């Protein structure tokens, strides 16, 4: 499963991490994606979509 939200299509960000000698290495910042069930299907939703406006209801 890809590390992106299936609701807002938000994915990971890419940036540089600098050492003391200013050597750049690529650093990925991934979205906090949780798997849950919606309408009987398993989806991957980020936590901001789960919190905001009740877009996703978790099955309990």
PDB file of N, CA and C in Angstrom:
ATOM      1  N   UNK A   1       0.839  -1.173   0.000  1.00  0.00           N
ATOM      2  CA  UNK A   1       0.000   0.000   0.000  1.00  0.00           C
ATOM      3  C   UNK A   1       0.887   1.239   0.000  1.00  0.00           C
ATOM      4  N   UNK A   2       0.529   2.187  -0.823  1.00  0.00           N
ATOM      5  CA  UNK A   2       1.304   3.412  -0.918  1.00  0.00           C
ATOM      6  C   UNK A   2       1.081   4.279   0.314  1.00  0.00           C
ATOM      7  N   UNK A   3       2.046   5.113   0.617  1.00  0.00           N
ATOM      8  CA  UNK A   3       1.942   5.984   1.788  1.00  0.00           C
ATOM      9  C   UNK A   3       1.285   7.301   1.416  1.00  0.00           C
ATOM     10  N   UNK A   4       0.032   7.226   1.003  1.00  0.00           N
ATOM     11  CA  UNK A   4      -0.722   8.426   0.681  1.00  0.00           C
ATOM     12  C   UNK A   4      -2.158   8.236   1.134  1.00  0.00           C
ATOM     13  N   UNK A   5      -2.827   9.346   1.375  1.00  0.00           N
ATOM     14  CA  UNK A   5      -4.205   9.321   1.845  1.00  0.00           C
ATOM     15  C   UNK A   5      -5.130   9.079   0.655  1.00  0.00           C
ATOM     16  N   UNK A   6      -6.083   8.180   0.825  1.00  0.00           N
ATOM     17  CA  UNK A   6      -7.008   7.895  -0.262  1.00  0.00           C
ATOM     18  C   UNK A   6      -8.155   8.897  -0.332  1.00  0.00           C
ATOM     19  N   UNK A   7      -8.258   9.796   0.639  1.00  0.00           N
ATOM     20  CA  UNK A   7      -9.328  10.789   0.641  1.00  0.00           C
ATOM     21  C   UNK A   7      -8.841  12.118   0.056  1.00  0.00           C
ATOM     22  N   UNK A   8      -7.747  12.641   0.590  1.00  0.00           N
ATOM     23  CA  UNK A   8      -7.256  13.946   0.127  1.00  0.00           C
ATOM     24  C   UNK A   8      -6.055  13.821  -0.805  1.00  0.00           C
ATOM     25  N   UNK A   9      -5.592  12.601  -1.063  1.00  0.00           N
ATOM     26  CA  UNK A   9      -4.460  12.316  -1.947  1.00  0.00           C
ATOM     27  C   UNK A   9      -3.168  13.007  -1.520  1.00  0.00           C
ATOM     28  N   UNK A  10      -3.029  13.242  -0.238  1.00  0.00           N
ATOM     29  CA  UNK A  10      -1.813  13.856   0.275  1.00  0.00           C
ATOM     30  C   UNK A  10      -0.737  12.790   0.378  1.00  0.00           C
ATOM     31  N   UNK A  11       0.467  13.091  -0.096  1.00  0.00           N
ATOM     32  CA  UNK A  11       1.552  12.125  -0.088  1.00  0.00           C
ATOM     33  C   UNK A  11       2.724  12.628   0.723  1.00  0.00           C
ATOM     34  N   UNK A  12       3.853  12.000   0.521  1.00  0.00           N
ATOM     35  CA  UNK A  12       5.027  12.353   1.302  1.00  0.00           C
ATOM     36  C   UNK A  12       5.733  13.565   0.701  1.00  0.00           C
ATOM     37  N   UNK A  13       6.483  14.256   1.558  1.00  0.00           N
ATOM     38  CA  UNK A  13       7.265  15.412   1.146  1.00  0.00           C
ATOM     39  C   UNK A  13       8.737  15.027   1.078  1.00  0.00           C
ATOM     40  N   UNK A  14       9.488  15.747   0.281  1.00  0.00           N
ATOM     41  CA  UNK A  14      10.897  15.455   0.125  1.00  0.00           C
ATOM     42  C   UNK A  14      11.694  16.719   0.417  1.00  0.00           C
ATOM     43  N   UNK A  15      12.768  16.583   1.203  1.00  0.00           N
ATOM     44  CA  UNK A  15      13.607  17.713   1.533  1.00  0.00           C
ATOM     45  C   UNK A  15      15.014  17.249   1.810  1.00  0.00           C
ATOM     46  N   UNK A  16      15.877  18.181   2.100  1.00  0.00           N
ATOM     47  CA  UNK A  16      17.270  17.860   2.371  1.00  0.00           C
ATOM     48  C   UNK A  16      17.551  17.889   3.861  1.00  0.00           C
ATOM     49  N   UNK A  17      18.348  16.929   4.295  1.00  0.00           N
ATOM     50  CA  UNK A  17      18.846  16.911   5.659  1.00  0.00           C
ATOM     51  C   UNK A  17      20.320  17.275   5.587  1.00  0.00           C
ATOM     52  N   UNK A  18      20.727  18.307   6.322  1.00  0.00           N
ATOM     53  CA  UNK A  18      22.096  18.816   6.232  1.00  0.00           C
ATOM     54  C   UNK A  18      22.911  18.357   7.434  1.00  0.00           C
ATOM     55  N   UNK A  19      24.104  17.845   7.149  1.00  0.00           N
ATOM     56  CA  UNK A  19      25.017  17.478   8.220  1.00  0.00           C
ATOM     57  C   UNK A  19      25.832  18.702   8.627  1.00  0.00           C
ATOM     58  N   UNK A  20      26.753  18.508   9.548  1.00  0.00           N
ATOM     59  CA  UNK A  20      27.587  19.620  10.005  1.00  0.00           C
ATOM     60  C   UNK A  20      28.483  20.136   8.885  1.00  0.00           C
ATOM     61  N   UNK A  21      28.863  19.248   7.970  1.00  0.00           N
ATOM     62  CA  UNK A  21      29.704  19.664   6.846  1.00  0.00           C
ATOM     63  C   UNK A  21      28.881  20.078   5.636  1.00  0.00           C
ATOM     64  N   UNK A  22      27.602  20.316   5.825  1.00  0.00           N
ATOM     65  CA  UNK A  22      26.659  20.794   4.808  1.00  0.00           C
ATOM     66  C   UNK A  22      26.443  19.813   3.659  1.00  0.00           C
ATOM     67  N   UNK A  23      26.676  18.528   3.888  1.00  0.00           N
ATOM     68  CA  UNK A  23      26.374  17.523   2.885  1.00  0.00           C
ATOM     69  C   UNK A  23      24.875  17.239   2.935  1.00  0.00           C
ATOM     70  N   UNK A  24      24.234  17.269   1.776  1.00  0.00           N
ATOM     71  CA  UNK A  24      22.786  17.102   1.713  1.00  0.00           C
ATOM     72  C   UNK A  24      22.439  15.650   1.439  1.00  0.00           C
ATOM     73  N   UNK A  25      21.581  15.088   2.262  1.00  0.00           N
ATOM     74  CA  UNK A  25      20.998  13.783   1.997  1.00  0.00           C
ATOM     75  C   UNK A  25      19.488  13.962   1.946  1.00  0.00           C
ATOM     76  N   UNK A  26      18.849  13.233   1.046  1.00  0.00           N
ATOM     77  CA  UNK A  26      17.415  13.397   0.840  1.00  0.00           C
ATOM     78  C   UNK A  26      16.655  12.735   1.987  1.00  0.00           C
ATOM     79  N   UNK A  27      15.733  13.506   2.576  1.00  0.00           N
ATOM     80  CA  UNK A  27      14.926  13.040   3.707  1.00  0.00           C
ATOM     81  C   UNK A  27      13.470  13.070   3.289  1.00  0.00           C
ATOM     82  N   UNK A  28      12.743  11.987   3.532  1.00  0.00           N
ATOM     83  CA  UNK A  28      11.318  11.918   3.214  1.00  0.00           C
ATOM     84  C   UNK A  28      10.509  12.114   4.488  1.00  0.00           C
ATOM     85  N   UNK A  29       9.470  12.921   4.408  1.00  0.00           N
ATOM     86  CA  UNK A  29       8.544  13.095   5.518  1.00  0.00           C
ATOM     87  C   UNK A  29       7.207  12.498   5.087  1.00  0.00           C
ATOM     88  N   UNK A  30       6.842  11.391   5.703  1.00  0.00           N
ATOM     89  CA  UNK A  30       5.648  10.672   5.309  1.00  0.00           C
ATOM     90  C   UNK A  30       4.432  11.164   6.085  1.00  0.00           C
ATOM     91  N   UNK A  31       3.284  11.015   5.466  1.00  0.00           N
ATOM     92  CA  UNK A  31       2.011  11.383   6.077  1.00  0.00           C
ATOM     93  C   UNK A  31       1.618  10.289   7.067  1.00  0.00           C
ATOM     94  N   UNK A  32       0.990  10.673   8.170  1.00  0.00           N
ATOM     95  CA  UNK A  32       0.537   9.716   9.168  1.00  0.00           C
ATOM     96  C   UNK A  32      -0.735   9.044   8.654  1.00  0.00           C
ATOM     97  N   UNK A  33      -0.555   7.915   7.966  1.00  0.00           N
ATOM     98  CA  UNK A  33      -1.657   7.205   7.324  1.00  0.00           C
ATOM     99  C   UNK A  33      -2.087   6.035   8.198  1.00  0.00           C
ATOM    100  N   UNK A  34      -3.382   5.932   8.450  1.00  0.00           N
ATOM    101  CA  UNK A  34      -3.956   4.850   9.238  1.00  0.00           C
ATOM    102  C   UNK A  34      -4.911   4.062   8.347  1.00  0.00           C
ATOM    103  N   UNK A  35      -4.922   2.743   8.514  1.00  0.00           N
ATOM    104  CA  UNK A  35      -5.876   1.929   7.766  1.00  0.00           C
ATOM    105  C   UNK A  35      -7.124   1.736   8.612  1.00  0.00           C
ATOM    106  N   UNK A  36      -8.278   1.892   7.974  1.00  0.00           N
ATOM    107  CA  UNK A  36      -9.540   1.715   8.651  1.00  0.00           C
ATOM    108  C   UNK A  36     -10.591   1.298   7.645  1.00  0.00           C
ATOM    109  N   UNK A  37     -11.768   0.984   8.126  1.00  0.00           N
ATOM    110  CA  UNK A  37     -12.836   0.495   7.267  1.00  0.00           C
ATOM    111  C   UNK A  37     -13.888   1.577   7.065  1.00  0.00           C
ATOM    112  N   UNK A  38     -14.293   1.747   5.815  1.00  0.00           N
ATOM    113  CA  UNK A  38     -15.382   2.662   5.474  1.00  0.00           C
ATOM    114  C   UNK A  38     -16.260   1.963   4.446  1.00  0.00           C
ATOM    115  N   UNK A  39     -17.525   1.810   4.757  1.00  0.00           N
ATOM    116  CA  UNK A  39     -18.498   1.134   3.900  1.00  0.00           C
ATOM    117  C   UNK A  39     -18.058  -0.284   3.541  1.00  0.00           C
ATOM    118  N   UNK A  40     -17.451  -0.979   4.490  1.00  0.00           N
ATOM    119  CA  UNK A  40     -17.035  -2.348   4.278  1.00  0.00           C
ATOM    120  C   UNK A  40     -15.746  -2.518   3.509  1.00  0.00           C
ATOM    121  N   UNK A  41     -15.082  -1.413   3.157  1.00  0.00           N
ATOM    122  CA  UNK A  41     -13.824  -1.489   2.423  1.00  0.00           C
ATOM    123  C   UNK A  41     -12.701  -0.919   3.270  1.00  0.00           C
ATOM    124  N   UNK A  42     -11.521  -1.452   3.107  1.00  0.00           N
ATOM    125  CA  UNK A  42     -10.347  -0.970   3.834  1.00  0.00           C
ATOM    126  C   UNK A  42      -9.739   0.194   3.064  1.00  0.00           C
ATOM    127  N   UNK A  43      -9.590   1.328   3.731  1.00  0.00           N
ATOM    128  CA  UNK A  43      -8.989   2.503   3.103  1.00  0.00           C
ATOM    129  C   UNK A  43      -7.841   2.991   3.973  1.00  0.00           C
ATOM    130  N   UNK A  44      -6.991   3.799   3.376  1.00  0.00           N
ATOM    131  CA  UNK A  44      -5.891   4.435   4.088  1.00  0.00           C
ATOM    132  C   UNK A  44      -6.195   5.922   4.155  1.00  0.00           C
ATOM    133  N   UNK A  45      -6.368   6.437   5.360  1.00  0.00           N
ATOM    134  CA  UNK A  45      -6.710   7.847   5.543  1.00  0.00           C
ATOM    135  C   UNK A  45      -5.703   8.494   6.481  1.00  0.00           C
ATOM    136  N   UNK A  46      -5.345   9.734   6.182  1.00  0.00           N
ATOM    137  CA  UNK A  46      -4.429  10.445   7.072  1.00  0.00           C
ATOM    138  C   UNK A  46      -5.201  10.911   8.308  1.00  0.00           C
ATOM    139  N   UNK A  47      -4.471  11.191   9.365  1.00  0.00           N
ATOM    140  CA  UNK A  47      -5.126  11.530  10.628  1.00  0.00           C
ATOM    141  C   UNK A  47      -5.832  12.874  10.563  1.00  0.00           C
ATOM    142  N   UNK A  48      -5.391  13.774   9.700  1.00  0.00           N
ATOM    143  CA  UNK A  48      -6.101  15.048   9.590  1.00  0.00           C
ATOM    144  C   UNK A  48      -7.467  14.865   8.935  1.00  0.00           C
ATOM    145  N   UNK A  49      -7.591  13.911   8.004  1.00  0.00           N
ATOM    146  CA  UNK A  49      -8.904  13.618   7.420  1.00  0.00           C
ATOM    147  C   UNK A  49      -9.803  12.907   8.420  1.00  0.00           C
ATOM    148  N   UNK A  50      -9.225  12.067   9.266  1.00  0.00           N
ATOM    149  CA  UNK A  50     -10.026  11.368  10.279  1.00  0.00           C
ATOM    150  C   UNK A  50     -10.569  12.365  11.297  1.00  0.00           C
ATOM    151  N   UNK A  51      -9.743  13.348  11.685  1.00  0.00           N
ATOM    152  CA  UNK A  51     -10.161  14.326  12.693  1.00  0.00           C
ATOM    153  C   UNK A  51     -11.108  15.373  12.131  1.00  0.00           C
ATOM    154  N   UNK A  52     -10.919  15.780  10.886  1.00  0.00           N
ATOM    155  CA  UNK A  52     -11.614  16.957  10.377  1.00  0.00           C
ATOM    156  C   UNK A  52     -13.026  16.637   9.910  1.00  0.00           C
ATOM    157  N   UNK A  53     -13.962  17.268  10.468  1.00  0.00           N
ATOM    158  CA  UNK A  53     -15.376  17.303  10.028  1.00  0.00           C
ATOM    159  C   UNK A  53     -16.014  15.928   9.902  1.00  0.00           C
ATOM    160  N   UNK A  54     -15.466  14.920  10.527  1.00  0.00           N
ATOM    161  CA  UNK A  54     -16.074  13.600  10.492  1.00  0.00           C
ATOM    162  C   UNK A  54     -16.154  13.012   9.104  1.00  0.00           C
ATOM    163  N   UNK A  55     -15.140  13.238   8.279  1.00  0.00           N
ATOM    164  CA  UNK A  55     -15.168  12.690   6.919  1.00  0.00           C
ATOM    165  C   UNK A  55     -15.156  11.172   6.927  1.00  0.00           C
ATOM    166  N   UNK A  56     -14.426  10.600   7.891  1.00  0.00           N
ATOM    167  CA  UNK A  56     -14.274   9.152   7.958  1.00  0.00           C
ATOM    168  C   UNK A  56     -14.774   8.665   9.301  1.00  0.00           C
ATOM    169  N   UNK A  57     -15.622   7.690   9.278  1.00  0.00           N
ATOM    170  CA  UNK A  57     -16.085   7.066  10.516  1.00  0.00           C
ATOM    171  C   UNK A  57     -15.352   5.762  10.705  1.00  0.00           C
ATOM    172  N   UNK A  58     -14.771   5.576  11.877  1.00  0.00           N
ATOM    173  CA  UNK A  58     -14.064   4.331  12.157  1.00  0.00           C
ATOM    174  C   UNK A  58     -15.047   3.275  12.628  1.00  0.00           C
ATOM    175  N   UNK A  59     -14.808   2.053  12.232  1.00  0.00           N
ATOM    176  CA  UNK A  59     -15.672   0.948  12.635  1.00  0.00           C
ATOM    177  C   UNK A  59     -15.242   0.444  14.009  1.00  0.00           C
ATOM    178  N   UNK A  60     -16.177   0.327  14.941  1.00  0.00           N
ATOM    179  CA  UNK A  60     -15.862  -0.138  16.289  1.00  0.00           C
ATOM    180  C   UNK A  60     -16.626  -1.379  16.607  1.00  0.00           C
TER     181      UNK A  60
END
